Amino acid sequence: MTPLLPERLIEAARAVIDANRAAERRIAVAESCTGGLVSAALTEIPGSSDVFEGGWVTYSNEAKRAELGVSNEVLDTFGAVSIATAWAMARGALAASSADVAVAITGIAGPGGATPGKPVGTVVFAKALRGGNADDIVTDSRLFEHEDRSGVRFQAALCALELLLP
């Protein structure tokens, strides 16, 4: 059978599952622009339920509020594609699960949706650790400016998987 996802994505997911299994760590994912691609890659790996706690696809701001507890203040002040929103999404995924670590992804895959200062291809990531404090905040912002919509989503999924490595 032909794999559902690109081999590069599956291999990255396999590395995440294997490394977190060895670290005895459970993971969760909060996705927006990737639309479940990270969760799909993780669940392509047999036995991933040993490690993967769950995922949320919160594409709209309302879903970010309702499912992950992202506040109106954060969304109104910083926007959906921001470090503050990604951080709130990651913390919301931890709160809604028993995972030890969560990664969030939010961005503008295009072709529309760009705003001043946030062009198409802008993707923001955050990683939250259970019991972590402000010093443990891990965030990243990338611009995948030479990619089409699928390319932005693929590159964002790879980055998110990298953040899930212990």
C-alpha atoms as a PDB file:
ATOM      1  CA  MET A   1       0.000   0.000   0.000  1.00  0.00           C
ATOM      2  CA  THR A   2       1.232   3.484  -0.820  1.00  0.00           C
ATOM      3  CA  PRO A   3       1.884   5.580   2.306  1.00  0.00           C
ATOM      4  CA  LEU A   4      -0.724   8.240   2.987  1.00  0.00           C
ATOM      5  CA  LEU A   5       1.875  10.865   3.918  1.00  0.00           C
ATOM      6  CA  PRO A   6       5.313  11.784   2.586  1.00  0.00           C
ATOM      7  CA  GLU A   7       8.071   9.498   3.854  1.00  0.00           C
ATOM      8  CA  ARG A   8      10.023  12.440   5.292  1.00  0.00           C
ATOM      9  CA  LEU A   9       7.066  13.322   7.527  1.00  0.00           C
ATOM     10  CA  ILE A  10       6.562   9.718   8.615  1.00  0.00           C
ATOM     11  CA  GLU A  11      10.246   9.336   9.485  1.00  0.00           C
ATOM     12  CA  ALA A  12      10.148  12.536  11.550  1.00  0.00           C
ATOM     13  CA  ALA A  13       7.058  11.250  13.367  1.00  0.00           C
ATOM     14  CA  ARG A  14       8.737   7.889  13.979  1.00  0.00           C
ATOM     15  CA  ALA A  15      11.716   9.670  15.552  1.00  0.00           C
ATOM     16  CA  VAL A  16       9.347  11.628  17.824  1.00  0.00           C
ATOM     17  CA  ILE A  17       7.443   8.524  18.909  1.00  0.00           C
ATOM     18  CA  ASP A  18      10.622   6.509  19.531  1.00  0.00           C
ATOM     19  CA  ALA A  19      12.408   9.293  21.440  1.00  0.00           C
ATOM     20  CA  ASN A  20       9.415  10.128  23.616  1.00  0.00           C
ATOM     21  CA  ARG A  21       8.741   6.459  24.305  1.00  0.00           C
ATOM     22  CA  ALA A  22      12.361   6.120  25.493  1.00  0.00           C
ATOM     23  CA  ALA A  23      11.915   9.240  27.647  1.00  0.00           C
ATOM     24  CA  GLU A  24       8.590   7.880  28.988  1.00  0.00           C
ATOM     25  CA  ARG A  25       6.923  11.079  27.905  1.00  0.00           C
ATOM     26  CA  ARG A  26       3.372  11.595  26.556  1.00  0.00           C
ATOM     27  CA  ILE A  27       2.766  14.262  23.907  1.00  0.00           C
ATOM     28  CA  ALA A  28      -0.118  16.379  22.616  1.00  0.00           C
ATOM     29  CA  VAL A  29      -0.519  18.698  19.648  1.00  0.00           C
ATOM     30  CA  ALA A  30      -2.643  21.813  19.097  1.00  0.00           C
ATOM     31  CA  GLU A  31      -2.849  22.582  15.387  1.00  0.00           C
ATOM     32  CA  SER A  32      -4.291  25.381  13.330  1.00  0.00           C
ATOM     33  CA  CYS A  33      -2.726  25.910   9.885  1.00  0.00           C
ATOM     34  CA  THR A  34      -1.486  22.313   9.695  1.00  0.00           C
ATOM     35  CA  GLY A  35      -5.067  21.077  10.009  1.00  0.00           C
ATOM     36  CA  GLY A  36      -4.201  17.822  11.767  1.00  0.00           C
ATOM     37  CA  LEU A  37      -1.179  16.937   9.644  1.00  0.00           C
ATOM     38  CA  VAL A  38       1.086  16.528  12.687  1.00  0.00           C
ATOM     39  CA  SER A  39      -1.444  14.299  14.436  1.00  0.00           C
ATOM     40  CA  ALA A  40      -1.917  12.279  11.248  1.00  0.00           C
ATOM     41  CA  ALA A  41       1.838  11.754  10.937  1.00  0.00           C
ATOM     42  CA  LEU A  42       2.144  10.653  14.559  1.00  0.00           C
ATOM     43  CA  THR A  43      -0.706   8.175  14.232  1.00  0.00           C
ATOM     44  CA  GLU A  44       0.851   6.630  11.106  1.00  0.00           C
ATOM     45  CA  ILE A  45       3.391   5.056  13.467  1.00  0.00           C
ATOM     46  CA  PRO A  46       2.296   1.673  14.874  1.00  0.00           C
ATOM     47  CA  GLY A  47       2.147   1.805  18.663  1.00  0.00           C
ATOM     48  CA  SER A  48       1.966   5.601  18.738  1.00  0.00           C
ATOM     49  CA  SER A  49      -0.801   5.397  21.347  1.00  0.00           C
ATOM     50  CA  ASP A  50       1.969   4.609  23.868  1.00  0.00           C
ATOM     51  CA  VAL A  51       3.131   8.190  23.432  1.00  0.00           C
ATOM     52  CA  PHE A  52       0.542  10.312  21.622  1.00  0.00           C
ATOM     53  CA  GLU A  53      -2.111  11.559  24.020  1.00  0.00           C
ATOM     54  CA  GLY A  54      -4.186  13.578  21.587  1.00  0.00           C
ATOM     55  CA  GLY A  55      -4.502  16.452  19.195  1.00  0.00           C
ATOM     56  CA  TRP A  56      -6.761  19.402  18.590  1.00  0.00           C
ATOM     57  CA  VAL A  57      -7.393  21.079  15.269  1.00  0.00           C
ATOM     58  CA  THR A  58      -8.509  24.553  16.242  1.00  0.00           C
ATOM     59  CA  TYR A  59      -8.668  26.311  12.924  1.00  0.00           C
ATOM     60  CA  SER A  60     -11.010  29.153  13.894  1.00  0.00           C
ATOM     61  CA  ASN A  61     -10.532  31.629  16.724  1.00  0.00           C
ATOM     62  CA  GLU A  62     -13.751  30.320  18.281  1.00  0.00           C
ATOM     63  CA  ALA A  63     -12.325  26.793  18.350  1.00  0.00           C
ATOM     64  CA  LYS A  64      -9.110  28.123  19.925  1.00  0.00           C
ATOM     65  CA  ARG A  65     -11.236  29.748  22.645  1.00  0.00           C
ATOM     66  CA  ALA A  66     -13.645  26.860  23.209  1.00  0.00           C
ATOM     67  CA  GLU A  67     -11.291  23.884  22.913  1.00  0.00           C
ATOM     68  CA  LEU A  68      -8.016  25.257  24.256  1.00  0.00           C
ATOM     69  CA  GLY A  69      -9.045  28.208  26.414  1.00  0.00           C
ATOM     70  CA  VAL A  70      -7.224  30.866  24.394  1.00  0.00           C
ATOM     71  CA  SER A  71      -8.550  34.152  25.749  1.00  0.00           C
ATOM     72  CA  ASN A  72     -10.316  36.851  23.765  1.00  0.00           C
ATOM     73  CA  GLU A  73      -7.718  39.268  25.103  1.00  0.00           C
ATOM     74  CA  VAL A  74      -4.828  37.288  23.579  1.00  0.00           C
ATOM     75  CA  LEU A  75      -6.581  36.830  20.233  1.00  0.00           C
ATOM     76  CA  ASP A  76      -7.771  40.451  20.038  1.00  0.00           C
ATOM     77  CA  THR A  77      -4.447  41.924  21.123  1.00  0.00           C
ATOM     78  CA  PHE A  78      -1.961  39.734  19.281  1.00  0.00           C
ATOM     79  CA  GLY A  79      -4.006  37.897  16.639  1.00  0.00           C
ATOM     80  CA  ALA A  80      -4.350  34.217  15.874  1.00  0.00           C
ATOM     81  CA  VAL A  81      -0.866  34.041  14.361  1.00  0.00           C
ATOM     82  CA  SER A  82       1.275  35.136  17.282  1.00  0.00           C
ATOM     83  CA  ILE A  83       3.600  33.790  19.923  1.00  0.00           C
ATOM     84  CA  ALA A  84       1.014  34.615  22.597  1.00  0.00           C
ATOM     85  CA  THR A  85      -1.681  32.585  20.835  1.00  0.00           C
ATOM     86  CA  ALA A  86       0.623  29.645  20.100  1.00  0.00           C
ATOM     87  CA  TRP A  87       1.743  29.604  23.738  1.00  0.00           C
ATOM     88  CA  ALA A  88      -1.867  29.705  24.965  1.00  0.00           C
ATOM     89  CA  MET A  89      -2.761  26.867  22.568  1.00  0.00           C
ATOM     90  CA  ALA A  90       0.105  24.701  23.828  1.00  0.00           C
ATOM     91  CA  ARG A  91      -0.816  25.336  27.456  1.00  0.00           C
ATOM     92  CA  GLY A  92      -4.458  24.634  26.634  1.00  0.00           C
ATOM     93  CA  ALA A  93      -3.515  21.272  25.131  1.00  0.00           C
ATOM     94  CA  LEU A  94      -1.646  20.395  28.319  1.00  0.00           C
ATOM     95  CA  ALA A  95      -4.611  21.445  30.445  1.00  0.00           C
ATOM     96  CA  ALA A  96      -6.999  19.324  28.366  1.00  0.00           C
ATOM     97  CA  SER A  97      -4.807  16.216  28.476  1.00  0.00           C
ATOM     98  CA  SER A  98      -2.440  14.270  30.672  1.00  0.00           C
ATOM     99  CA  ALA A  99       0.457  14.846  28.256  1.00  0.00           C
ATOM    100  CA  ASP A 100       3.877  15.862  29.513  1.00  0.00           C
ATOM    101  CA  VAL A 101       4.608  18.140  26.565  1.00  0.00           C
ATOM    102  CA  ALA A 102       2.485  19.910  23.959  1.00  0.00           C
ATOM    103  CA  VAL A 103       3.337  21.748  20.786  1.00  0.00           C
ATOM    104  CA  ALA A 104       1.106  24.287  19.058  1.00  0.00           C
ATOM    105  CA  ILE A 105       1.206  25.492  15.471  1.00  0.00           C
ATOM    106  CA  THR A 106      -0.608  28.532  14.054  1.00  0.00           C
ATOM    107  CA  GLY A 107       0.068  30.334  10.824  1.00  0.00           C
ATOM    108  CA  ILE A 108      -0.909  31.650   7.421  1.00  0.00           C
ATOM    109  CA  ALA A 109      -0.648  28.934   4.781  1.00  0.00           C
ATOM    110  CA  GLY A 110      -2.113  31.110   2.027  1.00  0.00           C
ATOM    111  CA  PRO A 111      -2.737  31.995  -0.610  1.00  0.00           C
ATOM    112  CA  GLY A 112      -4.805  34.620   1.239  1.00  0.00           C
ATOM    113  CA  GLY A 113      -4.855  35.710   4.849  1.00  0.00           C
ATOM    114  CA  ALA A 114      -1.749  37.865   4.963  1.00  0.00           C
ATOM    115  CA  THR A 115      -1.796  40.971   7.127  1.00  0.00           C
ATOM    116  CA  PRO A 116       0.743  43.776   7.539  1.00  0.00           C
ATOM    117  CA  GLY A 117       3.755  42.239   9.250  1.00  0.00           C
ATOM    118  CA  LYS A 118       2.418  38.679   8.786  1.00  0.00           C
ATOM    119  CA  PRO A 119       2.888  37.562   5.190  1.00  0.00           C
ATOM    120  CA  VAL A 120       1.714  34.271   3.739  1.00  0.00           C
ATOM    121  CA  GLY A 121       4.067  31.573   4.989  1.00  0.00           C
ATOM    122  CA  THR A 122       4.310  32.962   8.534  1.00  0.00           C
ATOM    123  CA  VAL A 123       4.024  30.138  11.074  1.00  0.00           C
ATOM    124  CA  VAL A 124       4.408  30.381  14.845  1.00  0.00           C
ATOM    125  CA  PHE A 125       5.172  27.476  17.169  1.00  0.00           C
ATOM    126  CA  ALA A 126       5.145  27.018  20.932  1.00  0.00           C
ATOM    127  CA  LYS A 127       6.144  24.150  23.195  1.00  0.00           C
ATOM    128  CA  ALA A 128       4.830  23.817  26.735  1.00  0.00           C
ATOM    129  CA  LEU A 129       6.010  21.393  29.404  1.00  0.00           C
ATOM    130  CA  ARG A 130       3.782  20.152  32.208  1.00  0.00           C
ATOM    131  CA  GLY A 131       4.883  21.850  35.407  1.00  0.00           C
ATOM    132  CA  GLY A 132       7.025  24.286  33.446  1.00  0.00           C
ATOM    133  CA  ASN A 133       7.442  27.928  34.330  1.00  0.00           C
ATOM    134  CA  ALA A 134       8.007  31.103  32.335  1.00  0.00           C
ATOM    135  CA  ASP A 135      11.676  30.200  31.855  1.00  0.00           C
ATOM    136  CA  ASP A 136      10.599  27.014  30.043  1.00  0.00           C
ATOM    137  CA  ILE A 137       8.776  28.849  27.256  1.00  0.00           C
ATOM    138  CA  VAL A 138       9.926  27.614  23.863  1.00  0.00           C
ATOM    139  CA  THR A 139       8.616  29.521  20.870  1.00  0.00           C
ATOM    140  CA  ASP A 140       9.657  29.951  17.278  1.00  0.00           C
ATOM    141  CA  SER A 141       8.426  31.884  14.282  1.00  0.00           C
ATOM    142  CA  ARG A 142       9.268  30.906  10.726  1.00  0.00           C
ATOM    143  CA  LEU A 143       8.598  32.361   7.313  1.00  0.00           C
ATOM    144  CA  PHE A 144       8.196  29.783   4.573  1.00  0.00           C
ATOM    145  CA  GLU A 145       7.977  32.408   1.848  1.00  0.00           C
ATOM    146  CA  HIS A 146       8.898  30.242  -1.131  1.00  0.00           C
ATOM    147  CA  GLU A 147       6.291  27.560  -0.472  1.00  0.00           C
ATOM    148  CA  ASP A 148       2.743  27.105  -1.708  1.00  0.00           C
ATOM    149  CA  ARG A 149      -0.057  26.248   0.747  1.00  0.00           C
ATOM    150  CA  SER A 150       0.859  22.562   0.897  1.00  0.00           C
ATOM    151  CA  GLY A 151       4.536  23.397   1.278  1.00  0.00           C
ATOM    152  CA  VAL A 152       3.878  25.761   4.188  1.00  0.00           C
ATOM    153  CA  ARG A 153       1.810  23.109   5.949  1.00  0.00           C
ATOM    154  CA  PHE A 154       4.406  20.392   5.300  1.00  0.00           C
ATOM    155  CA  GLN A 155       7.334  22.512   6.524  1.00  0.00           C
ATOM    156  CA  ALA A 156       5.326  23.607   9.581  1.00  0.00           C
ATOM    157  CA  ALA A 157       4.519  19.987  10.437  1.00  0.00           C
ATOM    158  CA  LEU A 158       8.214  19.052  10.227  1.00  0.00           C
ATOM    159  CA  CYS A 159       9.129  21.929  12.549  1.00  0.00           C
ATOM    160  CA  ALA A 160       6.452  20.950  15.038  1.00  0.00           C
ATOM    161  CA  LEU A 161       7.676  17.373  15.081  1.00  0.00           C
ATOM    162  CA  GLU A 162      11.218  18.586  15.718  1.00  0.00           C
ATOM    163  CA  LEU A 163       9.948  20.571  18.726  1.00  0.00           C
ATOM    164  CA  LEU A 164       8.416  17.385  20.142  1.00  0.00           C
ATOM    165  CA  LEU A 165      11.789  15.676  20.402  1.00  0.00           C
ATOM    166  CA  PRO A 166      13.037  15.460  24.004  1.00  0.00           C
END
